[in-house]
N, C-alpha and C. Protein backbone atom coordinates (compact mmCIF):
# COMPACT_ATOMS: atom_id res chain seq x y z
N MET A 1 0.84 -1.19 0.00
CA MET A 1 0.00 0.00 0.00
C MET A 1 0.88 1.25 0.00
N ARG A 2 0.42 2.27 -0.67
CA ARG A 2 1.19 3.51 -0.75
C ARG A 2 1.13 4.30 0.55
N THR A 3 2.10 5.15 0.75
CA THR A 3 2.12 6.02 1.92
C THR A 3 0.93 6.97 1.84
N PRO A 4 0.22 7.17 2.96
CA PRO A 4 -0.92 8.08 2.94
C PRO A 4 -0.50 9.49 2.53
N ASN A 5 -1.32 10.12 1.73
CA ASN A 5 -1.07 11.48 1.28
C ASN A 5 -1.87 12.41 2.19
N THR A 6 -1.20 13.28 2.90
CA THR A 6 -1.89 14.20 3.80
C THR A 6 -2.42 15.42 3.06
N ASP A 7 -2.17 15.52 1.76
CA ASP A 7 -2.59 16.68 0.98
C ASP A 7 -3.81 16.38 0.10
N TRP A 8 -4.59 15.34 0.41
CA TRP A 8 -5.76 15.03 -0.40
C TRP A 8 -6.73 16.22 -0.37
N THR A 9 -7.32 16.51 -1.49
CA THR A 9 -8.31 17.57 -1.57
C THR A 9 -9.51 17.25 -0.68
N ASP A 10 -9.99 16.03 -0.76
CA ASP A 10 -11.10 15.55 0.07
C ASP A 10 -10.78 14.10 0.40
N PRO A 11 -10.17 13.84 1.56
CA PRO A 11 -9.62 12.52 1.89
C PRO A 11 -10.61 11.37 1.84
N ASP A 12 -11.90 11.63 2.03
CA ASP A 12 -12.89 10.56 2.06
C ASP A 12 -13.56 10.29 0.72
N CYS A 13 -13.25 11.07 -0.29
CA CYS A 13 -13.94 10.96 -1.58
C CYS A 13 -13.05 10.31 -2.64
N PRO A 14 -13.45 9.15 -3.17
CA PRO A 14 -12.67 8.49 -4.22
C PRO A 14 -12.51 9.34 -5.48
N VAL A 15 -13.53 10.14 -5.83
CA VAL A 15 -13.43 11.00 -7.01
C VAL A 15 -12.35 12.05 -6.79
N ALA A 16 -12.36 12.70 -5.64
CA ALA A 16 -11.37 13.74 -5.35
C ALA A 16 -9.96 13.16 -5.32
N ARG A 17 -9.79 11.99 -4.70
CA ARG A 17 -8.46 11.37 -4.67
C ARG A 17 -7.98 11.02 -6.07
N THR A 18 -8.87 10.51 -6.90
CA THR A 18 -8.50 10.19 -8.28
C THR A 18 -8.08 11.44 -9.02
N LEU A 19 -8.85 12.52 -8.86
CA LEU A 19 -8.49 13.78 -9.52
C LEU A 19 -7.18 14.33 -8.99
N ASP A 20 -6.89 14.13 -7.72
CA ASP A 20 -5.59 14.55 -7.18
C ASP A 20 -4.45 13.82 -7.90
N LEU A 21 -4.69 12.58 -8.31
CA LEU A 21 -3.65 11.77 -8.97
C LEU A 21 -3.58 12.01 -10.48
N VAL A 22 -4.72 12.10 -11.15
CA VAL A 22 -4.71 12.17 -12.62
C VAL A 22 -5.63 13.25 -13.18
N GLY A 23 -5.99 14.23 -12.36
CA GLY A 23 -7.01 15.19 -12.76
C GLY A 23 -6.57 16.33 -13.65
N ASP A 24 -5.33 16.43 -13.98
CA ASP A 24 -4.93 17.49 -14.92
C ASP A 24 -4.88 16.90 -16.32
N ARG A 25 -5.03 17.74 -17.32
CA ARG A 25 -5.13 17.22 -18.69
C ARG A 25 -3.88 16.49 -19.15
N TRP A 26 -2.72 16.93 -18.72
CA TRP A 26 -1.50 16.28 -19.21
C TRP A 26 -1.38 14.85 -18.70
N SER A 27 -1.72 14.62 -17.45
CA SER A 27 -1.64 13.25 -16.91
C SER A 27 -2.55 12.31 -17.68
N LEU A 28 -3.78 12.72 -17.91
CA LEU A 28 -4.70 11.86 -18.64
C LEU A 28 -4.29 11.66 -20.09
N LEU A 29 -3.69 12.69 -20.69
CA LEU A 29 -3.22 12.52 -22.07
C LEU A 29 -2.02 11.58 -22.14
N VAL A 30 -1.16 11.61 -21.14
CA VAL A 30 -0.05 10.66 -21.09
C VAL A 30 -0.60 9.24 -20.94
N ILE A 31 -1.58 9.06 -20.04
CA ILE A 31 -2.21 7.75 -19.87
C ILE A 31 -2.88 7.32 -21.17
N ARG A 32 -3.61 8.22 -21.80
CA ARG A 32 -4.26 7.92 -23.09
C ARG A 32 -3.24 7.43 -24.11
N ASP A 33 -2.13 8.14 -24.23
CA ASP A 33 -1.13 7.77 -25.22
C ASP A 33 -0.41 6.48 -24.86
N ALA A 34 -0.21 6.22 -23.56
CA ALA A 34 0.36 4.94 -23.14
C ALA A 34 -0.58 3.80 -23.53
N MET A 35 -1.88 4.03 -23.41
CA MET A 35 -2.85 3.03 -23.82
C MET A 35 -2.81 2.80 -25.33
N ASP A 36 -2.38 3.82 -26.05
CA ASP A 36 -2.31 3.73 -27.51
C ASP A 36 -0.91 3.36 -27.99
N GLY A 37 -0.03 2.92 -27.07
CA GLY A 37 1.26 2.38 -27.47
C GLY A 37 2.48 3.25 -27.28
N ALA A 38 2.31 4.49 -26.81
CA ALA A 38 3.48 5.34 -26.57
C ALA A 38 4.29 4.75 -25.42
N ARG A 39 5.61 4.79 -25.54
CA ARG A 39 6.48 4.23 -24.50
C ARG A 39 7.62 5.17 -24.10
N SER A 40 8.12 5.95 -25.03
CA SER A 40 9.30 6.76 -24.74
C SER A 40 8.92 8.22 -24.45
N PHE A 41 9.82 8.89 -23.73
CA PHE A 41 9.66 10.31 -23.44
C PHE A 41 9.40 11.09 -24.73
N THR A 42 10.21 10.81 -25.75
CA THR A 42 10.09 11.51 -27.03
C THR A 42 8.73 11.28 -27.68
N GLU A 43 8.26 10.06 -27.60
CA GLU A 43 6.97 9.73 -28.19
C GLU A 43 5.83 10.46 -27.47
N PHE A 44 5.86 10.49 -26.14
CA PHE A 44 4.84 11.22 -25.39
C PHE A 44 4.88 12.70 -25.75
N GLN A 45 6.07 13.25 -25.84
CA GLN A 45 6.20 14.67 -26.16
C GLN A 45 5.69 14.97 -27.56
N ARG A 46 6.03 14.13 -28.51
CA ARG A 46 5.59 14.33 -29.89
C ARG A 46 4.07 14.25 -30.01
N ARG A 47 3.47 13.27 -29.35
CA ARG A 47 2.02 13.06 -29.46
C ARG A 47 1.22 14.16 -28.77
N THR A 48 1.70 14.65 -27.64
CA THR A 48 0.92 15.61 -26.86
C THR A 48 1.31 17.06 -27.10
N GLY A 49 2.56 17.31 -27.48
CA GLY A 49 3.04 18.68 -27.60
C GLY A 49 3.39 19.30 -26.25
N ILE A 50 3.43 18.50 -25.21
CA ILE A 50 3.70 18.94 -23.85
C ILE A 50 5.15 19.42 -23.71
N ALA A 51 5.35 20.44 -22.90
CA ALA A 51 6.70 20.94 -22.64
C ALA A 51 7.50 19.88 -21.88
N ARG A 52 8.80 19.83 -22.13
CA ARG A 52 9.66 18.81 -21.54
C ARG A 52 9.57 18.79 -20.01
N ASN A 53 9.62 19.96 -19.37
CA ASN A 53 9.59 20.01 -17.92
C ASN A 53 8.26 19.49 -17.35
N ILE A 54 7.17 19.80 -18.01
CA ILE A 54 5.86 19.32 -17.55
C ILE A 54 5.76 17.82 -17.76
N LEU A 55 6.23 17.33 -18.91
CA LEU A 55 6.19 15.90 -19.18
C LEU A 55 7.05 15.14 -18.15
N THR A 56 8.23 15.66 -17.86
CA THR A 56 9.09 15.04 -16.86
C THR A 56 8.36 14.93 -15.53
N ASP A 57 7.70 16.01 -15.13
CA ASP A 57 6.95 16.01 -13.87
C ASP A 57 5.81 15.00 -13.89
N ARG A 58 5.04 14.96 -14.97
CA ARG A 58 3.90 14.04 -15.04
C ARG A 58 4.34 12.58 -15.08
N LEU A 59 5.38 12.27 -15.82
CA LEU A 59 5.88 10.89 -15.87
C LEU A 59 6.38 10.47 -14.48
N ARG A 60 7.07 11.38 -13.81
CA ARG A 60 7.56 11.09 -12.45
C ARG A 60 6.38 10.84 -11.50
N LYS A 61 5.36 11.69 -11.57
CA LYS A 61 4.19 11.56 -10.70
C LYS A 61 3.41 10.28 -11.00
N LEU A 62 3.17 9.99 -12.27
CA LEU A 62 2.41 8.79 -12.64
C LEU A 62 3.17 7.52 -12.26
N THR A 63 4.49 7.57 -12.33
CA THR A 63 5.32 6.43 -11.92
C THR A 63 5.30 6.30 -10.40
N ALA A 64 5.45 7.40 -9.69
CA ALA A 64 5.46 7.37 -8.22
C ALA A 64 4.15 6.84 -7.66
N HIS A 65 3.05 7.12 -8.33
CA HIS A 65 1.74 6.68 -7.84
C HIS A 65 1.32 5.33 -8.43
N GLY A 66 2.23 4.68 -9.15
CA GLY A 66 1.97 3.32 -9.59
C GLY A 66 1.07 3.17 -10.80
N LEU A 67 0.92 4.21 -11.61
CA LEU A 67 0.11 4.12 -12.82
C LEU A 67 0.95 3.74 -14.03
N LEU A 68 2.22 4.13 -14.00
CA LEU A 68 3.20 3.76 -15.01
C LEU A 68 4.39 3.11 -14.30
N ALA A 69 5.10 2.29 -15.03
CA ALA A 69 6.35 1.72 -14.54
C ALA A 69 7.42 1.94 -15.59
N GLN A 70 8.66 2.07 -15.15
CA GLN A 70 9.78 2.19 -16.06
C GLN A 70 10.43 0.83 -16.22
N ARG A 71 10.88 0.56 -17.44
CA ARG A 71 11.64 -0.66 -17.71
C ARG A 71 12.62 -0.34 -18.83
N ALA A 72 13.60 -1.21 -18.97
CA ALA A 72 14.58 -1.02 -20.05
C ALA A 72 13.88 -1.25 -21.38
N ALA A 73 14.13 -0.36 -22.33
CA ALA A 73 13.59 -0.52 -23.68
C ALA A 73 14.24 -1.74 -24.32
N PRO A 74 13.61 -2.33 -25.33
CA PRO A 74 14.20 -3.50 -25.99
C PRO A 74 15.63 -3.28 -26.47
N SER A 75 15.97 -2.05 -26.85
CA SER A 75 17.34 -1.76 -27.29
C SER A 75 18.31 -1.83 -26.12
N GLY A 76 17.78 -1.65 -24.88
CA GLY A 76 18.62 -1.67 -23.70
C GLY A 76 19.31 -0.35 -23.42
N ARG A 77 19.17 0.61 -24.33
CA ARG A 77 19.89 1.87 -24.17
C ARG A 77 19.06 2.94 -23.46
N ARG A 78 17.76 2.76 -23.41
CA ARG A 78 16.90 3.76 -22.79
C ARG A 78 15.86 3.10 -21.92
N GLN A 79 15.20 3.94 -21.12
CA GLN A 79 14.07 3.49 -20.32
C GLN A 79 12.79 3.77 -21.10
N GLU A 80 11.79 2.95 -20.88
CA GLU A 80 10.48 3.21 -21.46
C GLU A 80 9.44 3.12 -20.36
N TYR A 81 8.29 3.69 -20.63
CA TYR A 81 7.20 3.71 -19.67
C TYR A 81 6.10 2.77 -20.14
N VAL A 82 5.59 1.96 -19.21
CA VAL A 82 4.50 1.04 -19.53
C VAL A 82 3.43 1.18 -18.46
N LEU A 83 2.20 0.94 -18.86
CA LEU A 83 1.09 0.98 -17.92
C LEU A 83 1.19 -0.16 -16.92
N THR A 84 0.87 0.11 -15.70
CA THR A 84 0.72 -0.92 -14.68
C THR A 84 -0.74 -1.37 -14.71
N ASP A 85 -1.08 -2.33 -13.86
CA ASP A 85 -2.48 -2.73 -13.75
C ASP A 85 -3.34 -1.54 -13.36
N ALA A 86 -2.86 -0.71 -12.43
CA ALA A 86 -3.62 0.48 -12.01
C ALA A 86 -3.81 1.44 -13.17
N GLY A 87 -2.79 1.62 -14.00
CA GLY A 87 -2.91 2.47 -15.18
C GLY A 87 -3.91 1.92 -16.19
N ARG A 88 -3.84 0.61 -16.43
CA ARG A 88 -4.78 -0.04 -17.35
C ARG A 88 -6.22 0.05 -16.83
N ASP A 89 -6.37 0.08 -15.50
CA ASP A 89 -7.72 0.20 -14.92
C ASP A 89 -8.38 1.54 -15.25
N LEU A 90 -7.62 2.50 -15.75
CA LEU A 90 -8.20 3.78 -16.16
C LEU A 90 -8.84 3.70 -17.56
N PHE A 91 -8.72 2.57 -18.23
CA PHE A 91 -9.28 2.44 -19.58
C PHE A 91 -10.76 2.84 -19.65
N PRO A 92 -11.64 2.31 -18.78
CA PRO A 92 -13.04 2.73 -18.89
C PRO A 92 -13.24 4.22 -18.62
N VAL A 93 -12.38 4.82 -17.81
CA VAL A 93 -12.46 6.26 -17.55
C VAL A 93 -12.15 7.03 -18.83
N ILE A 94 -11.08 6.64 -19.50
CA ILE A 94 -10.69 7.29 -20.76
C ILE A 94 -11.79 7.11 -21.81
N VAL A 95 -12.34 5.90 -21.90
CA VAL A 95 -13.41 5.65 -22.88
C VAL A 95 -14.63 6.51 -22.56
N THR A 96 -15.00 6.59 -21.30
CA THR A 96 -16.15 7.40 -20.91
C THR A 96 -15.91 8.88 -21.21
N LEU A 97 -14.71 9.38 -20.91
CA LEU A 97 -14.38 10.78 -21.25
C LEU A 97 -14.44 11.00 -22.76
N ARG A 98 -13.94 10.04 -23.52
CA ARG A 98 -13.97 10.12 -24.98
C ARG A 98 -15.41 10.20 -25.46
N GLN A 99 -16.25 9.32 -24.95
CA GLN A 99 -17.64 9.27 -25.40
C GLN A 99 -18.40 10.53 -25.00
N TRP A 100 -18.11 11.07 -23.82
CA TRP A 100 -18.71 12.34 -23.43
C TRP A 100 -18.28 13.43 -24.42
N GLY A 101 -16.99 13.44 -24.74
CA GLY A 101 -16.47 14.42 -25.69
C GLY A 101 -17.10 14.30 -27.07
N GLU A 102 -17.31 13.07 -27.51
CA GLU A 102 -17.97 12.86 -28.81
C GLU A 102 -19.37 13.48 -28.82
N ARG A 103 -20.07 13.38 -27.69
CA ARG A 103 -21.43 13.91 -27.60
C ARG A 103 -21.48 15.42 -27.36
N HIS A 104 -20.50 15.95 -26.59
CA HIS A 104 -20.64 17.33 -26.12
C HIS A 104 -19.54 18.30 -26.52
N ALA A 105 -18.41 17.82 -27.04
CA ALA A 105 -17.29 18.72 -27.33
C ALA A 105 -17.09 18.98 -28.82
N PHE A 106 -17.95 18.42 -29.66
CA PHE A 106 -17.85 18.61 -31.10
C PHE A 106 -19.17 19.11 -31.64
N ALA A 107 -19.09 19.95 -32.65
CA ALA A 107 -20.31 20.41 -33.32
C ALA A 107 -20.89 19.25 -34.12
N PRO A 108 -22.20 19.23 -34.35
CA PRO A 108 -22.78 18.16 -35.16
C PRO A 108 -22.09 18.06 -36.52
N GLY A 109 -21.67 16.85 -36.86
CA GLY A 109 -21.00 16.61 -38.14
C GLY A 109 -19.51 16.89 -38.14
N GLU A 110 -18.98 17.48 -37.06
CA GLU A 110 -17.55 17.76 -36.97
C GLU A 110 -16.79 16.44 -36.85
N THR A 111 -15.71 16.30 -37.60
CA THR A 111 -14.96 15.05 -37.59
C THR A 111 -14.11 14.92 -36.33
N HIS A 112 -13.92 13.68 -35.91
CA HIS A 112 -13.08 13.37 -34.77
C HIS A 112 -12.63 11.92 -34.88
N SER A 113 -11.61 11.58 -34.11
CA SER A 113 -11.12 10.21 -34.10
C SER A 113 -12.20 9.31 -33.50
N THR A 114 -12.08 8.02 -33.78
CA THR A 114 -13.05 7.04 -33.29
C THR A 114 -12.30 5.89 -32.64
N LEU A 115 -12.75 5.44 -31.50
CA LEU A 115 -12.18 4.28 -30.83
C LEU A 115 -12.89 3.04 -31.36
N VAL A 116 -12.09 2.11 -31.89
CA VAL A 116 -12.65 0.89 -32.45
C VAL A 116 -12.02 -0.33 -31.79
N ASP A 117 -12.73 -1.45 -31.84
CA ASP A 117 -12.18 -2.69 -31.30
C ASP A 117 -11.26 -3.33 -32.33
N ARG A 118 -10.73 -4.50 -32.02
CA ARG A 118 -9.76 -5.14 -32.92
C ARG A 118 -10.34 -5.53 -34.26
N HIS A 119 -11.67 -5.51 -34.39
CA HIS A 119 -12.32 -5.83 -35.66
C HIS A 119 -12.67 -4.57 -36.45
N GLY A 120 -12.35 -3.40 -35.89
CA GLY A 120 -12.65 -2.14 -36.57
C GLY A 120 -14.05 -1.61 -36.27
N THR A 121 -14.74 -2.23 -35.34
CA THR A 121 -16.09 -1.81 -34.97
C THR A 121 -16.02 -0.76 -33.88
N PRO A 122 -16.76 0.36 -34.03
CA PRO A 122 -16.75 1.37 -32.96
C PRO A 122 -17.15 0.77 -31.61
N VAL A 123 -16.46 1.22 -30.56
CA VAL A 123 -16.73 0.74 -29.20
C VAL A 123 -18.11 1.26 -28.78
N PRO A 124 -18.97 0.37 -28.26
CA PRO A 124 -20.30 0.82 -27.83
C PRO A 124 -20.23 1.77 -26.64
N GLU A 125 -21.31 2.53 -26.46
CA GLU A 125 -21.42 3.45 -25.33
C GLU A 125 -21.28 2.69 -24.01
N ILE A 126 -20.54 3.28 -23.08
CA ILE A 126 -20.44 2.73 -21.74
C ILE A 126 -21.56 3.36 -20.92
N ALA A 127 -22.32 2.53 -20.24
CA ALA A 127 -23.40 3.03 -19.39
C ALA A 127 -23.43 2.20 -18.11
N PRO A 128 -23.36 2.86 -16.95
CA PRO A 128 -23.39 2.11 -15.68
C PRO A 128 -24.77 1.48 -15.46
N THR A 129 -24.73 0.25 -14.97
CA THR A 129 -25.97 -0.46 -14.67
C THR A 129 -25.91 -1.01 -13.26
N GLY A 130 -27.09 -1.16 -12.66
CA GLY A 130 -27.19 -1.73 -11.33
C GLY A 130 -27.09 -3.24 -11.39
N ALA A 131 -27.10 -3.86 -10.22
CA ALA A 131 -27.01 -5.32 -10.13
C ALA A 131 -28.13 -6.01 -10.89
N ASP A 132 -29.27 -5.32 -11.02
CA ASP A 132 -30.41 -5.91 -11.74
C ASP A 132 -30.41 -5.56 -13.22
N GLY A 133 -29.37 -4.85 -13.69
CA GLY A 133 -29.26 -4.54 -15.11
C GLY A 133 -29.89 -3.22 -15.53
N THR A 134 -30.54 -2.52 -14.62
CA THR A 134 -31.16 -1.24 -15.00
C THR A 134 -30.10 -0.15 -15.08
N LEU A 135 -30.30 0.81 -15.98
CA LEU A 135 -29.37 1.92 -16.12
C LEU A 135 -29.38 2.77 -14.86
N LEU A 136 -28.19 3.21 -14.48
CA LEU A 136 -28.04 4.08 -13.31
C LEU A 136 -27.76 5.50 -13.75
N GLY A 137 -28.18 6.46 -12.95
CA GLY A 137 -27.93 7.87 -13.22
C GLY A 137 -27.94 8.65 -11.92
N THR A 138 -27.88 9.96 -12.05
CA THR A 138 -27.85 10.81 -10.86
C THR A 138 -29.14 10.74 -10.06
N ASP A 139 -30.22 10.38 -10.72
CA ASP A 139 -31.50 10.29 -10.01
C ASP A 139 -31.73 8.93 -9.36
N THR A 140 -30.86 7.95 -9.63
CA THR A 140 -31.05 6.61 -9.07
C THR A 140 -29.88 6.15 -8.19
N THR A 141 -28.95 7.06 -7.88
CA THR A 141 -27.82 6.74 -7.02
C THR A 141 -27.58 7.88 -6.02
N HIS A 142 -26.83 7.59 -4.97
CA HIS A 142 -26.39 8.61 -4.04
C HIS A 142 -25.11 8.13 -3.36
N VAL A 143 -24.37 9.07 -2.82
CA VAL A 143 -23.12 8.75 -2.13
C VAL A 143 -23.45 8.44 -0.68
N GLN A 144 -22.94 7.34 -0.21
CA GLN A 144 -23.10 6.95 1.19
C GLN A 144 -21.83 7.36 1.92
N LYS A 145 -21.92 8.38 2.74
CA LYS A 145 -20.77 8.92 3.47
C LYS A 145 -20.27 7.92 4.51
N THR A 146 -18.97 7.97 4.79
CA THR A 146 -18.36 7.06 5.76
C THR A 146 -18.49 7.56 7.19
N ARG A 147 -18.80 8.81 7.37
CA ARG A 147 -18.91 9.38 8.72
C ARG A 147 -20.33 9.78 9.02
């Protein structure tokens, strides 16, 4: 288990803790690109356009919090970054953000990239469901506080 962080925005809220770890755009874009095969510092920088100092900071933070791991590149001359299980667990978050963006961040008919499965079929909408299979939303759920 990781050392407790005394600087959590809201220590009891999983959403706040997650945002403390990956809530800035650069961190999520690094995770997105790692999911799409980026491994090297240069590759992350080229894909995102992020400044070197910011990328260095985000890679260090994502590695320290166990979302990325460093390993020797196949050439053996450099280090590369790979997703850990915790990093891969962000996949549904990235897909949900993507799908929200497809619905709300583009004008009707505006072109954008599409996430497809290995057969080239667009990934279906992600929708949370209850144990009985019914769709969940803000009107059918609530947060149960720990205190």
